[in-house]
Amino acid sequence: MQRHFSFILAAGAAMSAAAAQAEPVSVDVVLETQESIKFDFADGSKHFVMAVKREGVAEGTGVFAGATMTEIGWHDVDPPEGGAPEGYLQVAAPNGDVAVLTWEATAIFTKVDDKLSLHNHGVWELVSGTGQFENMRGVGALTILPMGGPNKFTLTGEVGAAP
């Protein structure tokens, strides 16, 4: 019984040490549209679906700071009801290492001064990578701020060794 208890304590300590080694991430990236295809529904609604490729450079702190990010996104939006954008971010570090993130968000519309205001909140997850991102995992929060052209993605969270 004592051996079993000691093993549990050792495993717990190892897990705590691994969690302590996770590096915080906090970056903003303004993503400019490179390509897009938009489909407007012909049902009298404002519902549309848009596939996009956007690019920008991340600014902030952590392993993604200074990286070029490419979004491949699928934005299903039905104003003023809401939306469900999702996609991938390919993160190319200045040294050429690549991380692949998947993300999804919920789009919520509110009315401010009789105009619709869009709020996108969701999550991101590091799912694969090369070099420094190989055998790494990460997770965090995502907000997307429409800027009347480019979108500003803000990613916060942490990246650490995969189990």
N, C-alpha and C. Protein backbone atom coordinates (compact mmCIF):
# COMPACT_ATOMS: atom_id res chain seq x y z
N MET A 1 0.82 -1.18 0.00
CA MET A 1 0.00 0.00 0.00
C MET A 1 0.87 1.26 0.00
N GLN A 2 1.94 1.25 0.80
CA GLN A 2 2.83 2.40 0.86
C GLN A 2 3.49 2.63 -0.49
N ARG A 3 3.90 1.58 -1.20
CA ARG A 3 4.51 1.71 -2.53
C ARG A 3 3.54 2.39 -3.49
N HIS A 4 2.29 1.97 -3.46
CA HIS A 4 1.27 2.54 -4.34
C HIS A 4 1.09 4.03 -4.05
N PHE A 5 1.03 4.38 -2.79
CA PHE A 5 0.86 5.78 -2.39
C PHE A 5 2.07 6.61 -2.82
N SER A 6 3.28 6.06 -2.66
CA SER A 6 4.49 6.76 -3.07
C SER A 6 4.49 7.00 -4.58
N PHE A 7 4.03 6.01 -5.35
CA PHE A 7 3.96 6.15 -6.80
C PHE A 7 3.00 7.27 -7.18
N ILE A 8 1.87 7.33 -6.53
CA ILE A 8 0.89 8.38 -6.81
C ILE A 8 1.48 9.75 -6.50
N LEU A 9 2.18 9.87 -5.37
CA LEU A 9 2.81 11.15 -5.04
C LEU A 9 3.86 11.54 -6.07
N ALA A 10 4.67 10.57 -6.49
CA ALA A 10 5.72 10.85 -7.49
C ALA A 10 5.09 11.25 -8.82
N ALA A 11 4.03 10.57 -9.23
CA ALA A 11 3.36 10.90 -10.49
C ALA A 11 2.74 12.29 -10.41
N GLY A 12 2.14 12.61 -9.27
CA GLY A 12 1.55 13.93 -9.08
C GLY A 12 2.60 15.02 -9.14
N ALA A 13 3.76 14.77 -8.52
CA ALA A 13 4.85 15.75 -8.55
C ALA A 13 5.37 15.94 -9.97
N ALA A 14 5.48 14.86 -10.73
CA ALA A 14 5.95 14.95 -12.12
C ALA A 14 4.96 15.74 -12.96
N MET A 15 3.67 15.51 -12.75
CA MET A 15 2.66 16.24 -13.51
C MET A 15 2.69 17.71 -13.15
N SER A 16 2.88 18.02 -11.87
CA SER A 16 2.96 19.43 -11.45
C SER A 16 4.18 20.11 -12.05
N ALA A 17 5.31 19.39 -12.11
CA ALA A 17 6.53 19.95 -12.69
C ALA A 17 6.32 20.21 -14.17
N ALA A 18 5.65 19.27 -14.88
CA ALA A 18 5.39 19.46 -16.31
C ALA A 18 4.48 20.66 -16.53
N ALA A 19 3.45 20.80 -15.69
CA ALA A 19 2.54 21.94 -15.82
C ALA A 19 3.28 23.24 -15.55
N ALA A 20 4.22 23.22 -14.61
CA ALA A 20 4.97 24.43 -14.29
C ALA A 20 5.88 24.83 -15.43
N GLN A 21 6.25 23.90 -16.31
CA GLN A 21 7.15 24.20 -17.41
C GLN A 21 6.41 24.76 -18.63
N ALA A 22 5.08 24.75 -18.61
CA ALA A 22 4.34 25.31 -19.73
C ALA A 22 4.63 26.80 -19.81
N GLU A 23 4.81 27.28 -21.03
CA GLU A 23 5.16 28.69 -21.23
C GLU A 23 3.91 29.49 -21.59
N PRO A 24 3.69 30.60 -20.91
CA PRO A 24 2.55 31.45 -21.25
C PRO A 24 2.68 32.03 -22.66
N VAL A 25 1.54 32.20 -23.31
CA VAL A 25 1.45 32.79 -24.64
C VAL A 25 0.45 33.94 -24.58
N SER A 26 0.82 35.08 -25.15
CA SER A 26 -0.09 36.21 -25.26
C SER A 26 0.32 37.02 -26.49
N VAL A 27 -0.41 36.81 -27.60
CA VAL A 27 -0.07 37.51 -28.84
C VAL A 27 -1.31 38.08 -29.50
N ASP A 28 -1.07 39.16 -30.24
CA ASP A 28 -2.07 39.76 -31.13
C ASP A 28 -1.53 39.65 -32.54
N VAL A 29 -2.40 39.35 -33.49
CA VAL A 29 -1.98 39.33 -34.89
C VAL A 29 -3.12 39.91 -35.74
N VAL A 30 -2.79 40.90 -36.53
CA VAL A 30 -3.75 41.46 -37.48
C VAL A 30 -3.60 40.67 -38.77
N LEU A 31 -4.68 39.98 -39.14
CA LEU A 31 -4.64 39.09 -40.30
C LEU A 31 -5.30 39.75 -41.51
N GLU A 32 -4.49 39.98 -42.52
CA GLU A 32 -4.97 40.58 -43.78
C GLU A 32 -5.42 39.48 -44.73
N THR A 33 -6.57 39.68 -45.36
CA THR A 33 -7.11 38.68 -46.29
C THR A 33 -6.24 38.58 -47.54
N GLN A 34 -5.84 37.35 -47.84
CA GLN A 34 -5.08 37.04 -49.06
C GLN A 34 -6.00 36.46 -50.12
N GLU A 35 -6.94 35.61 -49.68
CA GLU A 35 -7.91 34.98 -50.58
C GLU A 35 -9.21 34.80 -49.81
N SER A 36 -10.33 34.87 -50.52
CA SER A 36 -11.62 34.58 -49.87
C SER A 36 -12.65 34.19 -50.92
N ILE A 37 -13.56 33.37 -50.45
CA ILE A 37 -14.72 32.98 -51.25
C ILE A 37 -15.92 33.15 -50.33
N LYS A 38 -16.92 33.91 -50.78
CA LYS A 38 -18.10 34.17 -49.96
C LYS A 38 -19.33 33.64 -50.67
N PHE A 39 -20.17 32.97 -49.89
CA PHE A 39 -21.44 32.46 -50.40
C PHE A 39 -22.56 33.11 -49.60
N ASP A 40 -23.39 33.93 -50.27
CA ASP A 40 -24.55 34.55 -49.64
C ASP A 40 -25.76 33.68 -49.91
N PHE A 41 -26.54 33.39 -48.85
CA PHE A 41 -27.74 32.59 -49.01
C PHE A 41 -28.81 33.43 -49.72
N ALA A 42 -29.49 32.86 -50.69
CA ALA A 42 -30.51 33.57 -51.47
C ALA A 42 -31.90 33.39 -50.87
N ASP A 43 -31.97 33.52 -49.54
CA ASP A 43 -33.24 33.31 -48.86
C ASP A 43 -33.77 34.57 -48.20
N GLY A 44 -33.19 35.71 -48.54
CA GLY A 44 -33.61 36.97 -47.95
C GLY A 44 -32.95 37.28 -46.61
N SER A 45 -32.17 36.36 -46.09
CA SER A 45 -31.48 36.60 -44.82
C SER A 45 -30.12 37.24 -45.09
N LYS A 46 -29.41 37.56 -44.03
CA LYS A 46 -28.05 38.08 -44.15
C LYS A 46 -27.02 36.98 -43.93
N HIS A 47 -27.49 35.74 -43.88
CA HIS A 47 -26.64 34.57 -43.62
C HIS A 47 -25.63 34.39 -44.76
N PHE A 48 -24.36 34.17 -44.39
CA PHE A 48 -23.34 33.89 -45.39
C PHE A 48 -22.30 32.93 -44.82
N VAL A 49 -21.56 32.32 -45.71
CA VAL A 49 -20.42 31.48 -45.36
C VAL A 49 -19.23 32.02 -46.16
N MET A 50 -18.10 32.14 -45.48
CA MET A 50 -16.91 32.65 -46.15
C MET A 50 -15.71 31.78 -45.79
N ALA A 51 -15.00 31.35 -46.82
CA ALA A 51 -13.73 30.66 -46.63
C ALA A 51 -12.63 31.68 -46.89
N VAL A 52 -11.65 31.75 -45.97
CA VAL A 52 -10.62 32.78 -46.08
C VAL A 52 -9.23 32.21 -45.84
N LYS A 53 -8.27 32.90 -46.46
CA LYS A 53 -6.86 32.72 -46.13
C LYS A 53 -6.37 34.11 -45.78
N ARG A 54 -5.85 34.26 -44.54
CA ARG A 54 -5.37 35.55 -44.06
C ARG A 54 -3.98 35.37 -43.49
N GLU A 55 -3.18 36.44 -43.51
CA GLU A 55 -1.81 36.36 -42.99
C GLU A 55 -1.46 37.62 -42.19
N GLY A 56 -0.55 37.43 -41.22
CA GLY A 56 -0.05 38.54 -40.42
C GLY A 56 1.08 38.07 -39.53
N VAL A 57 1.68 39.00 -38.80
CA VAL A 57 2.79 38.69 -37.89
C VAL A 57 2.33 38.91 -36.46
N ALA A 58 2.57 37.91 -35.60
CA ALA A 58 2.15 37.96 -34.20
C ALA A 58 3.08 38.85 -33.38
N GLU A 59 2.48 39.67 -32.55
CA GLU A 59 3.24 40.53 -31.63
C GLU A 59 2.80 40.20 -30.21
N GLY A 60 3.76 40.13 -29.30
CA GLY A 60 3.43 39.86 -27.91
C GLY A 60 4.52 39.06 -27.24
N THR A 61 4.10 38.09 -26.41
CA THR A 61 5.07 37.30 -25.66
C THR A 61 4.79 35.81 -25.82
N GLY A 62 5.83 35.02 -25.61
CA GLY A 62 5.71 33.56 -25.70
C GLY A 62 6.24 33.03 -27.02
N VAL A 63 6.09 31.73 -27.23
CA VAL A 63 6.70 31.05 -28.38
C VAL A 63 6.13 31.48 -29.73
N PHE A 64 4.98 32.13 -29.78
CA PHE A 64 4.40 32.56 -31.05
C PHE A 64 4.77 34.00 -31.41
N ALA A 65 5.38 34.74 -30.49
CA ALA A 65 5.75 36.13 -30.74
C ALA A 65 6.74 36.22 -31.90
N GLY A 66 6.46 37.11 -32.85
CA GLY A 66 7.33 37.29 -34.01
C GLY A 66 7.06 36.32 -35.15
N ALA A 67 6.16 35.38 -34.94
CA ALA A 67 5.86 34.37 -35.96
C ALA A 67 4.89 34.92 -37.00
N THR A 68 5.01 34.41 -38.21
CA THR A 68 4.03 34.69 -39.25
C THR A 68 2.89 33.70 -39.09
N MET A 69 1.66 34.21 -39.03
CA MET A 69 0.50 33.34 -38.88
C MET A 69 -0.34 33.40 -40.14
N THR A 70 -0.77 32.22 -40.56
CA THR A 70 -1.68 32.09 -41.70
C THR A 70 -2.95 31.43 -41.22
N GLU A 71 -4.07 32.12 -41.40
CA GLU A 71 -5.38 31.55 -41.06
C GLU A 71 -5.98 30.92 -42.29
N ILE A 72 -6.46 29.70 -42.14
CA ILE A 72 -7.35 29.07 -43.11
C ILE A 72 -8.66 28.90 -42.35
N GLY A 73 -9.64 29.75 -42.65
CA GLY A 73 -10.85 29.80 -41.84
C GLY A 73 -12.12 29.57 -42.61
N TRP A 74 -13.12 29.13 -41.88
CA TRP A 74 -14.47 28.89 -42.39
C TRP A 74 -15.40 29.66 -41.47
N HIS A 75 -16.02 30.73 -41.98
CA HIS A 75 -16.83 31.61 -41.16
C HIS A 75 -18.30 31.49 -41.58
N ASP A 76 -19.11 30.83 -40.76
CA ASP A 76 -20.54 30.67 -40.98
C ASP A 76 -21.22 31.70 -40.10
N VAL A 77 -21.77 32.76 -40.72
CA VAL A 77 -22.28 33.91 -39.97
C VAL A 77 -23.72 34.20 -40.40
N ASP A 78 -24.58 34.42 -39.41
CA ASP A 78 -25.99 34.69 -39.67
C ASP A 78 -26.45 35.89 -38.83
N PRO A 79 -26.11 37.12 -39.29
CA PRO A 79 -26.49 38.30 -38.52
C PRO A 79 -28.01 38.48 -38.48
N PRO A 80 -28.58 38.88 -37.41
CA PRO A 80 -28.00 39.21 -36.12
C PRO A 80 -28.00 38.02 -35.15
N GLU A 81 -28.29 36.81 -35.67
CA GLU A 81 -28.41 35.64 -34.80
C GLU A 81 -27.09 35.20 -34.18
N GLY A 82 -26.02 35.16 -34.95
CA GLY A 82 -24.73 34.70 -34.43
C GLY A 82 -23.92 34.05 -35.53
N GLY A 83 -22.97 33.24 -35.11
CA GLY A 83 -22.13 32.57 -36.09
C GLY A 83 -21.23 31.55 -35.43
N ALA A 84 -20.56 30.77 -36.29
CA ALA A 84 -19.68 29.71 -35.82
C ALA A 84 -18.41 29.66 -36.67
N PRO A 85 -17.50 30.63 -36.49
CA PRO A 85 -16.25 30.58 -37.24
C PRO A 85 -15.31 29.51 -36.66
N GLU A 86 -14.51 28.92 -37.54
CA GLU A 86 -13.53 27.92 -37.12
C GLU A 86 -12.44 27.82 -38.17
N GLY A 87 -11.35 27.18 -37.81
CA GLY A 87 -10.31 27.01 -38.80
C GLY A 87 -8.99 26.57 -38.20
N TYR A 88 -7.93 26.87 -38.94
CA TYR A 88 -6.57 26.53 -38.54
C TYR A 88 -5.71 27.78 -38.61
N LEU A 89 -4.70 27.83 -37.78
CA LEU A 89 -3.65 28.84 -37.86
C LEU A 89 -2.34 28.09 -38.02
N GLN A 90 -1.62 28.39 -39.10
CA GLN A 90 -0.27 27.85 -39.24
C GLN A 90 0.68 28.94 -38.76
N VAL A 91 1.48 28.58 -37.76
CA VAL A 91 2.38 29.52 -37.11
C VAL A 91 3.80 29.20 -37.56
N ALA A 92 4.43 30.10 -38.31
CA ALA A 92 5.79 29.89 -38.79
C ALA A 92 6.73 30.80 -38.00
N ALA A 93 7.52 30.18 -37.11
CA ALA A 93 8.47 30.94 -36.29
C ALA A 93 9.57 31.52 -37.18
N PRO A 94 10.24 32.57 -36.73
CA PRO A 94 11.32 33.17 -37.53
C PRO A 94 12.41 32.17 -37.95
N ASN A 95 12.62 31.10 -37.15
CA ASN A 95 13.65 30.10 -37.49
C ASN A 95 13.12 29.02 -38.44
N GLY A 96 11.85 29.10 -38.86
CA GLY A 96 11.29 28.14 -39.81
C GLY A 96 10.47 27.02 -39.18
N ASP A 97 10.52 26.87 -37.85
CA ASP A 97 9.69 25.86 -37.19
C ASP A 97 8.22 26.23 -37.36
N VAL A 98 7.37 25.20 -37.47
CA VAL A 98 5.94 25.41 -37.73
C VAL A 98 5.09 24.75 -36.66
N ALA A 99 4.08 25.48 -36.19
CA ALA A 99 3.06 24.94 -35.29
C ALA A 99 1.72 25.03 -36.02
N VAL A 100 0.88 24.02 -35.84
CA VAL A 100 -0.46 24.04 -36.41
C VAL A 100 -1.45 24.10 -35.26
N LEU A 101 -2.28 25.15 -35.29
CA LEU A 101 -3.31 25.34 -34.28
C LEU A 101 -4.67 25.14 -34.93
N THR A 102 -5.58 24.54 -34.20
CA THR A 102 -6.97 24.52 -34.61
C THR A 102 -7.71 25.49 -33.69
N TRP A 103 -8.75 26.13 -34.19
CA TRP A 103 -9.50 27.07 -33.37
C TRP A 103 -10.97 27.04 -33.74
N GLU A 104 -11.79 27.43 -32.79
CA GLU A 104 -13.22 27.61 -33.04
C GLU A 104 -13.73 28.70 -32.12
N ALA A 105 -14.75 29.39 -32.59
CA ALA A 105 -15.29 30.51 -31.82
C ALA A 105 -16.80 30.56 -31.96
N THR A 106 -17.41 31.33 -31.11
CA THR A 106 -18.83 31.65 -31.20
C THR A 106 -18.93 33.14 -31.49
N ALA A 107 -19.71 33.47 -32.51
CA ALA A 107 -19.92 34.87 -32.88
C ALA A 107 -21.25 35.32 -32.28
N ILE A 108 -21.21 36.41 -31.53
CA ILE A 108 -22.40 36.97 -30.89
C ILE A 108 -22.55 38.42 -31.34
N PHE A 109 -23.76 38.77 -31.74
CA PHE A 109 -24.05 40.15 -32.12
C PHE A 109 -24.79 40.85 -30.99
N THR A 110 -24.41 42.10 -30.75
CA THR A 110 -25.16 42.96 -29.85
C THR A 110 -25.46 44.24 -30.62
N LYS A 111 -26.37 45.03 -30.08
CA LYS A 111 -26.73 46.28 -30.74
C LYS A 111 -26.18 47.44 -29.92
N VAL A 112 -25.40 48.30 -30.57
CA VAL A 112 -24.84 49.49 -29.94
C VAL A 112 -25.20 50.68 -30.83
N ASP A 113 -25.94 51.64 -30.26
CA ASP A 113 -26.37 52.82 -31.02
C ASP A 113 -27.04 52.43 -32.34
N ASP A 114 -27.94 51.46 -32.29
CA ASP A 114 -28.68 50.96 -33.45
C ASP A 114 -27.81 50.32 -34.53
N LYS A 115 -26.57 49.97 -34.19
CA LYS A 115 -25.69 49.27 -35.12
C LYS A 115 -25.30 47.93 -34.50
N LEU A 116 -25.15 46.92 -35.35
CA LEU A 116 -24.71 45.62 -34.86
C LEU A 116 -23.23 45.67 -34.50
N SER A 117 -22.90 45.06 -33.37
CA SER A 117 -21.52 44.93 -32.92
C SER A 117 -21.23 43.44 -32.80
N LEU A 118 -20.14 42.98 -33.40
CA LEU A 118 -19.80 41.56 -33.44
C LEU A 118 -18.73 41.23 -32.41
N HIS A 119 -18.96 40.16 -31.64
CA HIS A 119 -18.02 39.68 -30.63
C HIS A 119 -17.73 38.21 -30.91
N ASN A 120 -16.46 37.85 -31.07
CA ASN A 120 -16.05 36.47 -31.33
C ASN A 120 -15.16 36.00 -30.19
N HIS A 121 -15.57 34.95 -29.53
CA HIS A 121 -14.78 34.38 -28.44
C HIS A 121 -14.71 32.87 -28.62
N GLY A 122 -13.53 32.29 -28.38
CA GLY A 122 -13.39 30.86 -28.54
C GLY A 122 -12.13 30.32 -27.92
N VAL A 123 -11.67 29.21 -28.49
CA VAL A 123 -10.49 28.51 -27.98
C VAL A 123 -9.58 28.13 -29.13
N TRP A 124 -8.29 27.93 -28.80
CA TRP A 124 -7.33 27.42 -29.76
C TRP A 124 -6.59 26.26 -29.11
N GLU A 125 -6.05 25.37 -29.96
CA GLU A 125 -5.28 24.23 -29.47
C GLU A 125 -4.14 23.95 -30.43
N LEU A 126 -2.92 23.81 -29.92
CA LEU A 126 -1.77 23.42 -30.73
C LEU A 126 -1.88 21.91 -30.92
N VAL A 127 -1.99 21.46 -32.19
CA VAL A 127 -2.22 20.04 -32.47
C VAL A 127 -1.03 19.33 -33.11
N SER A 128 -0.11 20.08 -33.73
CA SER A 128 1.07 19.44 -34.31
C SER A 128 2.11 20.50 -34.61
N GLY A 129 3.33 20.04 -34.93
CA GLY A 129 4.37 21.01 -35.24
C GLY A 129 5.68 20.35 -35.61
N THR A 130 6.62 21.22 -35.99
CA THR A 130 7.98 20.77 -36.33
C THR A 130 8.97 21.53 -35.46
N GLY A 131 10.21 21.02 -35.38
CA GLY A 131 11.26 21.71 -34.62
C GLY A 131 10.86 21.93 -33.19
N GLN A 132 10.91 23.18 -32.71
CA GLN A 132 10.59 23.49 -31.32
C GLN A 132 9.15 23.17 -30.95
N PHE A 133 8.27 23.02 -31.95
CA PHE A 133 6.86 22.73 -31.69
C PHE A 133 6.53 21.24 -31.76
N GLU A 134 7.51 20.42 -32.16
CA GLU A 134 7.31 18.98 -32.22
C GLU A 134 7.15 18.46 -30.79
N ASN A 135 6.20 17.57 -30.60
CA ASN A 135 5.90 17.00 -29.28
C ASN A 135 5.48 18.05 -28.27
N MET A 136 4.87 19.12 -28.74
CA MET A 136 4.34 20.16 -27.85
C MET A 136 2.82 20.17 -27.96
N ARG A 137 2.18 20.64 -26.91
CA ARG A 137 0.73 20.84 -26.90
C ARG A 137 0.49 22.22 -26.32
N GLY A 138 -0.62 22.78 -26.68
CA GLY A 138 -0.96 24.09 -26.15
C GLY A 138 -2.45 24.30 -26.23
N VAL A 139 -2.95 25.22 -25.43
CA VAL A 139 -4.37 25.52 -25.41
C VAL A 139 -4.56 26.92 -24.85
N GLY A 140 -5.63 27.56 -25.26
CA GLY A 140 -5.90 28.88 -24.72
C GLY A 140 -7.16 29.50 -25.27
N ALA A 141 -7.33 30.76 -24.93
CA ALA A 141 -8.51 31.53 -25.32
C ALA A 141 -8.21 32.33 -26.59
N LEU A 142 -9.24 32.58 -27.35
CA LEU A 142 -9.13 33.31 -28.60
C LEU A 142 -10.24 34.36 -28.66
N THR A 143 -9.88 35.57 -29.07
CA THR A 143 -10.88 36.57 -29.43
C THR A 143 -10.54 37.07 -30.82
N ILE A 144 -11.57 37.38 -31.59
CA ILE A 144 -11.39 37.91 -32.93
C ILE A 144 -12.13 39.23 -32.98
N LEU A 145 -11.40 40.29 -33.31
CA LEU A 145 -11.98 41.62 -33.38
C LEU A 145 -12.03 42.04 -34.85
N PRO A 146 -13.25 42.14 -35.43
CA PRO A 146 -13.35 42.65 -36.79
C PRO A 146 -12.94 44.12 -36.80
N MET A 147 -12.17 44.49 -37.79
CA MET A 147 -11.67 45.87 -37.85
C MET A 147 -12.10 46.58 -39.13
N GLY A 148 -13.18 46.12 -39.76
CA GLY A 148 -13.64 46.74 -40.99
C GLY A 148 -12.72 46.44 -42.16
N GLY A 149 -12.07 45.36 -42.17
CA GLY A 149 -11.11 44.93 -43.19
C GLY A 149 -10.36 43.75 -42.63
N PRO A 150 -9.15 43.99 -42.09
CA PRO A 150 -8.45 42.87 -41.45
C PRO A 150 -9.11 42.53 -40.12
N ASN A 151 -8.86 41.34 -39.62
CA ASN A 151 -9.33 40.93 -38.30
C ASN A 151 -8.14 40.83 -37.36
N LYS A 152 -8.35 41.20 -36.11
CA LYS A 152 -7.30 41.08 -35.10
C LYS A 152 -7.60 39.86 -34.23
N PHE A 153 -6.70 38.87 -34.28
CA PHE A 153 -6.81 37.67 -33.46
C PHE A 153 -5.95 37.89 -32.21
N THR A 154 -6.49 37.61 -31.04
CA THR A 154 -5.74 37.64 -29.80
C THR A 154 -5.77 36.24 -29.20
N LEU A 155 -4.57 35.68 -28.99
CA LEU A 155 -4.44 34.35 -28.42
C LEU A 155 -3.73 34.45 -27.08
N THR A 156 -4.34 33.90 -26.05
CA THR A 156 -3.70 33.79 -24.74
C THR A 156 -3.78 32.34 -24.32
N GLY A 157 -2.84 31.89 -23.50
CA GLY A 157 -2.86 30.51 -23.05
C GLY A 157 -1.47 30.05 -22.70
N GLU A 158 -1.20 28.77 -22.96
CA GLU A 158 0.13 28.24 -22.67
C GLU A 158 0.48 27.08 -23.59
N VAL A 159 1.78 26.88 -23.76
CA VAL A 159 2.33 25.81 -24.58
C VAL A 159 3.35 25.07 -23.74
N GLY A 160 3.29 23.74 -23.76
CA GLY A 160 4.23 22.93 -23.00
C GLY A 160 4.44 21.58 -23.69
N ALA A 161 5.20 20.72 -23.06
CA ALA A 161 5.50 19.40 -23.60
C ALA A 161 4.24 18.54 -23.65
N ALA A 162 4.11 17.75 -24.72
CA ALA A 162 3.00 16.82 -24.85
C ALA A 162 3.22 15.66 -23.87
N PRO A 163 2.14 15.11 -23.34
CA PRO A 163 2.28 13.98 -22.42
C PRO A 163 2.81 12.74 -23.12
